[in-house]
Amino acid sequence: MGLIIARRIDEEFVLFASEDANPERLAEQLKEGITIRMHDVDRGKAWLDISAPYEITILRSELIKP
């Protein structure tokens, strides 16, 4: 199990490389892919289970500064 994040309709999350990510190592890890699995759904809210390499940062879009 990875990170579980809850999102409502029209809410987003963003995956991007961490600032300190090693590009070669990240490229190797991404060959295995990123898995996003629907964990649960209830009253317009979905819980997603995200499994990604350690060098991938996952943030709710509202936490990203414009």
PDB file of N, CA and C in Angstrom:
ATOM      1  N   MET A   1       0.849  -1.177   0.000  1.00  0.00           N
ATOM      2  CA  MET A   1       0.000   0.000   0.000  1.00  0.00           C
ATOM      3  C   MET A   1       0.889   1.232   0.000  1.00  0.00           C
ATOM      4  N   GLY A   2       0.496   2.224  -0.759  1.00  0.00           N
ATOM      5  CA  GLY A   2       1.243   3.467  -0.842  1.00  0.00           C
ATOM      6  C   GLY A   2       0.554   4.572  -0.060  1.00  0.00           C
ATOM      7  N   LEU A   3       0.574   5.756  -0.599  1.00  0.00           N
ATOM      8  CA  LEU A   3      -0.088   6.911  -0.012  1.00  0.00           C
ATOM      9  C   LEU A   3      -1.558   6.870  -0.389  1.00  0.00           C
ATOM     10  N   ILE A   4      -2.441   7.060   0.563  1.00  0.00           N
ATOM     11  CA  ILE A   4      -3.867   7.134   0.260  1.00  0.00           C
ATOM     12  C   ILE A   4      -4.276   8.600   0.365  1.00  0.00           C
ATOM     13  N   ILE A   5      -4.863   9.101  -0.720  1.00  0.00           N
ATOM     14  CA  ILE A   5      -5.272  10.501  -0.787  1.00  0.00           C
ATOM     15  C   ILE A   5      -6.744  10.543  -1.168  1.00  0.00           C
ATOM     16  N   ALA A   6      -7.499  11.433  -0.545  1.00  0.00           N
ATOM     17  CA  ALA A   6      -8.924  11.574  -0.838  1.00  0.00           C
ATOM     18  C   ALA A   6      -9.125  12.798  -1.720  1.00  0.00           C
ATOM     19  N   ARG A   7      -9.956  12.659  -2.722  1.00  0.00           N
ATOM     20  CA  ARG A   7     -10.263  13.752  -3.643  1.00  0.00           C
ATOM     21  C   ARG A   7     -11.747  13.744  -3.946  1.00  0.00           C
ATOM     22  N   ARG A   8     -12.314  14.946  -4.054  1.00  0.00           N
ATOM     23  CA  ARG A   8     -13.706  15.103  -4.479  1.00  0.00           C
ATOM     24  C   ARG A   8     -13.724  15.434  -5.972  1.00  0.00           C
ATOM     25  N   ILE A   9     -14.885  15.481  -6.556  1.00  0.00           N
ATOM     26  CA  ILE A   9     -15.022  15.813  -7.967  1.00  0.00           C
ATOM     27  C   ILE A   9     -14.346  17.157  -8.239  1.00  0.00           C
ATOM     28  N   ASP A  10     -13.557  17.223  -9.290  1.00  0.00           N
ATOM     29  CA  ASP A  10     -12.805  18.401  -9.747  1.00  0.00           C
ATOM     30  C   ASP A  10     -11.597  18.749  -8.883  1.00  0.00           C
ATOM     31  N   GLU A  11     -11.297  18.007  -7.829  1.00  0.00           N
ATOM     32  CA  GLU A  11     -10.069  18.227  -7.067  1.00  0.00           C
ATOM     33  C   GLU A  11      -8.954  17.414  -7.712  1.00  0.00           C
ATOM     34  N   GLU A  12      -7.730  17.883  -7.570  1.00  0.00           N
ATOM     35  CA  GLU A  12      -6.594  17.256  -8.234  1.00  0.00           C
ATOM     36  C   GLU A  12      -5.475  16.957  -7.254  1.00  0.00           C
ATOM     37  N   PHE A  13      -4.547  16.122  -7.717  1.00  0.00           N
ATOM     38  CA  PHE A  13      -3.264  15.967  -7.047  1.00  0.00           C
ATOM     39  C   PHE A  13      -2.209  15.949  -8.141  1.00  0.00           C
ATOM     40  N   VAL A  14      -0.983  16.296  -7.766  1.00  0.00           N
ATOM     41  CA  VAL A  14       0.097  16.427  -8.742  1.00  0.00           C
ATOM     42  C   VAL A  14       1.269  15.566  -8.301  1.00  0.00           C
ATOM     43  N   LEU A  15       1.870  14.858  -9.258  1.00  0.00           N
ATOM     44  CA  LEU A  15       3.070  14.066  -9.010  1.00  0.00           C
ATOM     45  C   LEU A  15       4.220  14.737  -9.746  1.00  0.00           C
ATOM     46  N   PHE A  16       5.335  14.970  -9.058  1.00  0.00           N
ATOM     47  CA  PHE A  16       6.500  15.545  -9.705  1.00  0.00           C
ATOM     48  C   PHE A  16       7.761  15.067  -9.008  1.00  0.00           C
ATOM     49  N   ALA A  17       8.890  15.198  -9.695  1.00  0.00           N
ATOM     50  CA  ALA A  17      10.165  14.762  -9.127  1.00  0.00           C
ATOM     51  C   ALA A  17      10.552  15.669  -7.972  1.00  0.00           C
ATOM     52  N   SER A  18      11.032  15.076  -6.880  1.00  0.00           N
ATOM     53  CA  SER A  18      11.516  15.854  -5.740  1.00  0.00           C
ATOM     54  C   SER A  18      12.725  16.675  -6.162  1.00  0.00           C
ATOM     55  N   GLU A  19      12.957  17.768  -5.479  1.00  0.00           N
ATOM     56  CA  GLU A  19      14.073  18.651  -5.806  1.00  0.00           C
ATOM     57  C   GLU A  19      15.417  17.928  -5.730  1.00  0.00           C
ATOM     58  N   ASP A  20      15.550  17.005  -4.792  1.00  0.00           N
ATOM     59  CA  ASP A  20      16.825  16.310  -4.597  1.00  0.00           C
ATOM     60  C   ASP A  20      16.886  14.953  -5.311  1.00  0.00           C
ATOM     61  N   ALA A  21      15.975  14.723  -6.259  1.00  0.00           N
ATOM     62  CA  ALA A  21      15.922  13.440  -6.956  1.00  0.00           C
ATOM     63  C   ALA A  21      17.148  13.244  -7.848  1.00  0.00           C
ATOM     64  N   ASN A  22      17.670  12.032  -7.832  1.00  0.00           N
ATOM     65  CA  ASN A  22      18.765  11.646  -8.709  1.00  0.00           C
ATOM     66  C   ASN A  22      18.127  11.220 -10.045  1.00  0.00           C
ATOM     67  N   PRO A  23      18.396  11.959 -11.142  1.00  0.00           N
ATOM     68  CA  PRO A  23      17.712  11.680 -12.408  1.00  0.00           C
ATOM     69  C   PRO A  23      17.893  10.255 -12.927  1.00  0.00           C
ATOM     70  N   GLU A  24      19.114   9.713 -12.817  1.00  0.00           N
ATOM     71  CA  GLU A  24      19.335   8.352 -13.325  1.00  0.00           C
ATOM     72  C   GLU A  24      18.567   7.328 -12.496  1.00  0.00           C
ATOM     73  N   ARG A  25      18.624   7.483 -11.176  1.00  0.00           N
ATOM     74  CA  ARG A  25      17.913   6.548 -10.295  1.00  0.00           C
ATOM     75  C   ARG A  25      16.404   6.648 -10.499  1.00  0.00           C
ATOM     76  N   LEU A  26      15.916   7.865 -10.633  1.00  0.00           N
ATOM     77  CA  LEU A  26      14.486   8.062 -10.844  1.00  0.00           C
ATOM     78  C   LEU A  26      14.039   7.424 -12.156  1.00  0.00           C
ATOM     79  N   ALA A  27      14.830   7.594 -13.203  1.00  0.00           N
ATOM     80  CA  ALA A  27      14.494   6.990 -14.494  1.00  0.00           C
ATOM     81  C   ALA A  27      14.407   5.473 -14.371  1.00  0.00           C
ATOM     82  N   GLU A  28      15.332   4.863 -13.646  1.00  0.00           N
ATOM     83  CA  GLU A  28      15.294   3.404 -13.436  1.00  0.00           C
ATOM     84  C   GLU A  28      14.033   2.997 -12.675  1.00  0.00           C
ATOM     85  N   GLN A  29      13.702   3.744 -11.634  1.00  0.00           N
ATOM     86  CA  GLN A  29      12.532   3.407 -10.824  1.00  0.00           C
ATOM     87  C   GLN A  29      11.240   3.593 -11.608  1.00  0.00           C
ATOM     88  N   LEU A  30      11.189   4.598 -12.477  1.00  0.00           N
ATOM     89  CA  LEU A  30       9.972   4.850 -13.246  1.00  0.00           C
ATOM     90  C   LEU A  30       9.703   3.765 -14.281  1.00  0.00           C
ATOM     91  N   LYS A  31      10.712   2.974 -14.602  1.00  0.00           N
ATOM     92  CA  LYS A  31      10.494   1.855 -15.516  1.00  0.00           C
ATOM     93  C   LYS A  31       9.485   0.865 -14.935  1.00  0.00           C
ATOM     94  N   GLU A  32       9.424   0.804 -13.603  1.00  0.00           N
ATOM     95  CA  GLU A  32       8.458  -0.076 -12.934  1.00  0.00           C
ATOM     96  C   GLU A  32       7.075   0.563 -12.895  1.00  0.00           C
ATOM     97  N   GLY A  33       6.998   1.864 -13.155  1.00  0.00           N
ATOM     98  CA  GLY A  33       5.722   2.559 -13.234  1.00  0.00           C
ATOM     99  C   GLY A  33       5.235   3.124 -11.913  1.00  0.00           C
ATOM    100  N   ILE A  34       4.154   3.855 -12.016  1.00  0.00           N
ATOM    101  CA  ILE A  34       3.437   4.417 -10.878  1.00  0.00           C
ATOM    102  C   ILE A  34       2.059   3.769 -10.895  1.00  0.00           C
ATOM    103  N   THR A  35       1.617   3.284  -9.765  1.00  0.00           N
ATOM    104  CA  THR A  35       0.326   2.615  -9.680  1.00  0.00           C
ATOM    105  C   THR A  35      -0.654   3.483  -8.895  1.00  0.00           C
ATOM    106  N   ILE A  36      -1.823   3.711  -9.473  1.00  0.00           N
ATOM    107  CA  ILE A  36      -2.893   4.446  -8.795  1.00  0.00           C
ATOM    108  C   ILE A  36      -4.101   3.521  -8.770  1.00  0.00           C
ATOM    109  N   ARG A  37      -4.551   3.180  -7.567  1.00  0.00           N
ATOM    110  CA  ARG A  37      -5.658   2.228  -7.397  1.00  0.00           C
ATOM    111  C   ARG A  37      -6.801   2.905  -6.651  1.00  0.00           C
ATOM    112  N   MET A  38      -8.023   2.690  -7.131  1.00  0.00           N
ATOM    113  CA  MET A  38      -9.195   3.204  -6.431  1.00  0.00           C
ATOM    114  C   MET A  38      -9.351   2.410  -5.140  1.00  0.00           C
ATOM    115  N   HIS A  39      -9.238   3.076  -4.012  1.00  0.00           N
ATOM    116  CA  HIS A  39      -9.304   2.411  -2.712  1.00  0.00           C
ATOM    117  C   HIS A  39     -10.744   2.354  -2.200  1.00  0.00           C
ATOM    118  N   ASP A  40     -11.463   3.471  -2.355  1.00  0.00           N
ATOM    119  CA  ASP A  40     -12.840   3.526  -1.858  1.00  0.00           C
ATOM    120  C   ASP A  40     -13.540   4.722  -2.497  1.00  0.00           C
ATOM    121  N   VAL A  41     -14.857   4.675  -2.532  1.00  0.00           N
ATOM    122  CA  VAL A  41     -15.671   5.781  -3.032  1.00  0.00           C
ATOM    123  C   VAL A  41     -16.869   5.905  -2.110  1.00  0.00           C
ATOM    124  N   ASP A  42     -17.202   7.142  -1.726  1.00  0.00           N
ATOM    125  CA  ASP A  42     -18.355   7.353  -0.862  1.00  0.00           C
ATOM    126  C   ASP A  42     -18.839   8.789  -1.006  1.00  0.00           C
ATOM    127  N   ARG A  43     -20.073   8.961  -1.387  1.00  0.00           N
ATOM    128  CA  ARG A  43     -20.723  10.268  -1.476  1.00  0.00           C
ATOM    129  C   ARG A  43     -19.882  11.344  -2.167  1.00  0.00           C
ATOM    130  N   GLY A  44     -19.455  11.060  -3.388  1.00  0.00           N
ATOM    131  CA  GLY A  44     -18.734  12.055  -4.168  1.00  0.00           C
ATOM    132  C   GLY A  44     -17.279  12.227  -3.803  1.00  0.00           C
ATOM    133  N   LYS A  45     -16.743  11.344  -2.978  1.00  0.00           N
ATOM    134  CA  LYS A  45     -15.347  11.417  -2.573  1.00  0.00           C
ATOM    135  C   LYS A  45     -14.681  10.081  -2.884  1.00  0.00           C
ATOM    136  N   ALA A  46     -13.507  10.152  -3.495  1.00  0.00           N
ATOM    137  CA  ALA A  46     -12.773   8.934  -3.841  1.00  0.00           C
ATOM    138  C   ALA A  46     -11.460   8.903  -3.072  1.00  0.00           C
ATOM    139  N   TRP A  47     -11.081   7.732  -2.606  1.00  0.00           N
ATOM    140  CA  TRP A  47      -9.790   7.538  -1.957  1.00  0.00           C
ATOM    141  C   TRP A  47      -8.920   6.748  -2.922  1.00  0.00           C
ATOM    142  N   LEU A  48      -7.774   7.332  -3.260  1.00  0.00           N
ATOM    143  CA  LEU A  48      -6.859   6.721  -4.213  1.00  0.00           C
ATOM    144  C   LEU A  48      -5.605   6.275  -3.491  1.00  0.00           C
ATOM    145  N   ASP A  49      -5.139   5.092  -3.824  1.00  0.00           N
ATOM    146  CA  ASP A  49      -3.912   4.527  -3.256  1.00  0.00           C
ATOM    147  C   ASP A  49      -2.834   4.677  -4.323  1.00  0.00           C
ATOM    148  N   ILE A  50      -1.814   5.498  -4.042  1.00  0.00           N
ATOM    149  CA  ILE A  50      -0.778   5.812  -5.023  1.00  0.00           C
ATOM    150  C   ILE A  50       0.541   5.194  -4.584  1.00  0.00           C
ATOM    151  N   SER A  51       1.123   4.356  -5.439  1.00  0.00           N
ATOM    152  CA  SER A  51       2.441   3.765  -5.190  1.00  0.00           C
ATOM    153  C   SER A  51       3.397   4.322  -6.241  1.00  0.00           C
ATOM    154  N   ALA A  52       4.387   5.064  -5.769  1.00  0.00           N
ATOM    155  CA  ALA A  52       5.346   5.712  -6.668  1.00  0.00           C
ATOM    156  C   ALA A  52       6.729   5.652  -6.024  1.00  0.00           C
ATOM    157  N   PRO A  53       7.790   5.846  -6.830  1.00  0.00           N
ATOM    158  CA  PRO A  53       9.138   5.876  -6.271  1.00  0.00           C
ATOM    159  C   PRO A  53       9.277   6.968  -5.200  1.00  0.00           C
ATOM    160  N   TYR A  54      10.216   6.762  -4.300  1.00  0.00           N
ATOM    161  CA  TYR A  54      10.462   7.692  -3.211  1.00  0.00           C
ATOM    162  C   TYR A  54      10.749   9.110  -3.718  1.00  0.00           C
ATOM    163  N   GLU A  55      11.402   9.227  -4.866  1.00  0.00           N
ATOM    164  CA  GLU A  55      11.777  10.533  -5.402  1.00  0.00           C
ATOM    165  C   GLU A  55      10.606  11.300  -6.016  1.00  0.00           C
ATOM    166  N   ILE A  56       9.425  10.702  -6.040  1.00  0.00           N
ATOM    167  CA  ILE A  56       8.234  11.374  -6.554  1.00  0.00           C
ATOM    168  C   ILE A  56       7.493  12.008  -5.383  1.00  0.00           C
ATOM    169  N   THR A  57       7.238  13.305  -5.495  1.00  0.00           N
ATOM    170  CA  THR A  57       6.454  14.029  -4.501  1.00  0.00           C
ATOM    171  C   THR A  57       5.013  14.061  -4.980  1.00  0.00           C
ATOM    172  N   ILE A  58       4.078  13.823  -4.064  1.00  0.00           N
ATOM    173  CA  ILE A  58       2.656  13.832  -4.395  1.00  0.00           C
ATOM    174  C   ILE A  58       1.999  14.888  -3.510  1.00  0.00           C
ATOM    175  N   LEU A  59       1.403  15.887  -4.143  1.00  0.00           N
ATOM    176  CA  LEU A  59       0.765  16.971  -3.390  1.00  0.00           C
ATOM    177  C   LEU A  59      -0.640  17.229  -3.907  1.00  0.00           C
ATOM    178  N   ARG A  60      -1.538  17.570  -2.987  1.00  0.00           N
ATOM    179  CA  ARG A  60      -2.844  18.070  -3.404  1.00  0.00           C
ATOM    180  C   ARG A  60      -2.601  19.396  -4.110  1.00  0.00           C
ATOM    181  N   SER A  61      -3.302  19.645  -5.190  1.00  0.00           N
ATOM    182  CA  SER A  61      -3.045  20.847  -6.005  1.00  0.00           C
ATOM    183  C   SER A  61      -3.207  22.136  -5.215  1.00  0.00           C
ATOM    184  N   GLU A  62      -4.073  22.156  -4.216  1.00  0.00           N
ATOM    185  CA  GLU A  62      -4.266  23.393  -3.441  1.00  0.00           C
ATOM    186  C   GLU A  62      -3.074  23.720  -2.558  1.00  0.00           C
ATOM    187  N   LEU A  63      -2.155  22.775  -2.379  1.00  0.00           N
ATOM    188  CA  LEU A  63      -0.960  23.034  -1.573  1.00  0.00           C
ATOM    189  C   LEU A  63       0.221  23.564  -2.392  1.00  0.00           C
ATOM    190  N   ILE A  64       0.058  23.595  -3.715  1.00  0.00           N
ATOM    191  CA  ILE A  64       1.124  24.083  -4.578  1.00  0.00           C
ATOM    192  C   ILE A  64       0.997  25.587  -4.713  1.00  0.00           C
ATOM    193  N   LYS A  65       2.081  26.282  -4.421  1.00  0.00           N
ATOM    194  CA  LYS A  65       2.057  27.736  -4.502  1.00  0.00           C
ATOM    195  C   LYS A  65       2.164  28.168  -5.955  1.00  0.00           C
ATOM    196  N   PRO A  66       1.284  29.086  -6.385  1.00  0.00           N
ATOM    197  CA  PRO A  66       1.302  29.536  -7.798  1.00  0.00           C
ATOM    198  C   PRO A  66       2.553  30.329  -8.137  1.00  0.00           C
TER     199      PRO A  66
END
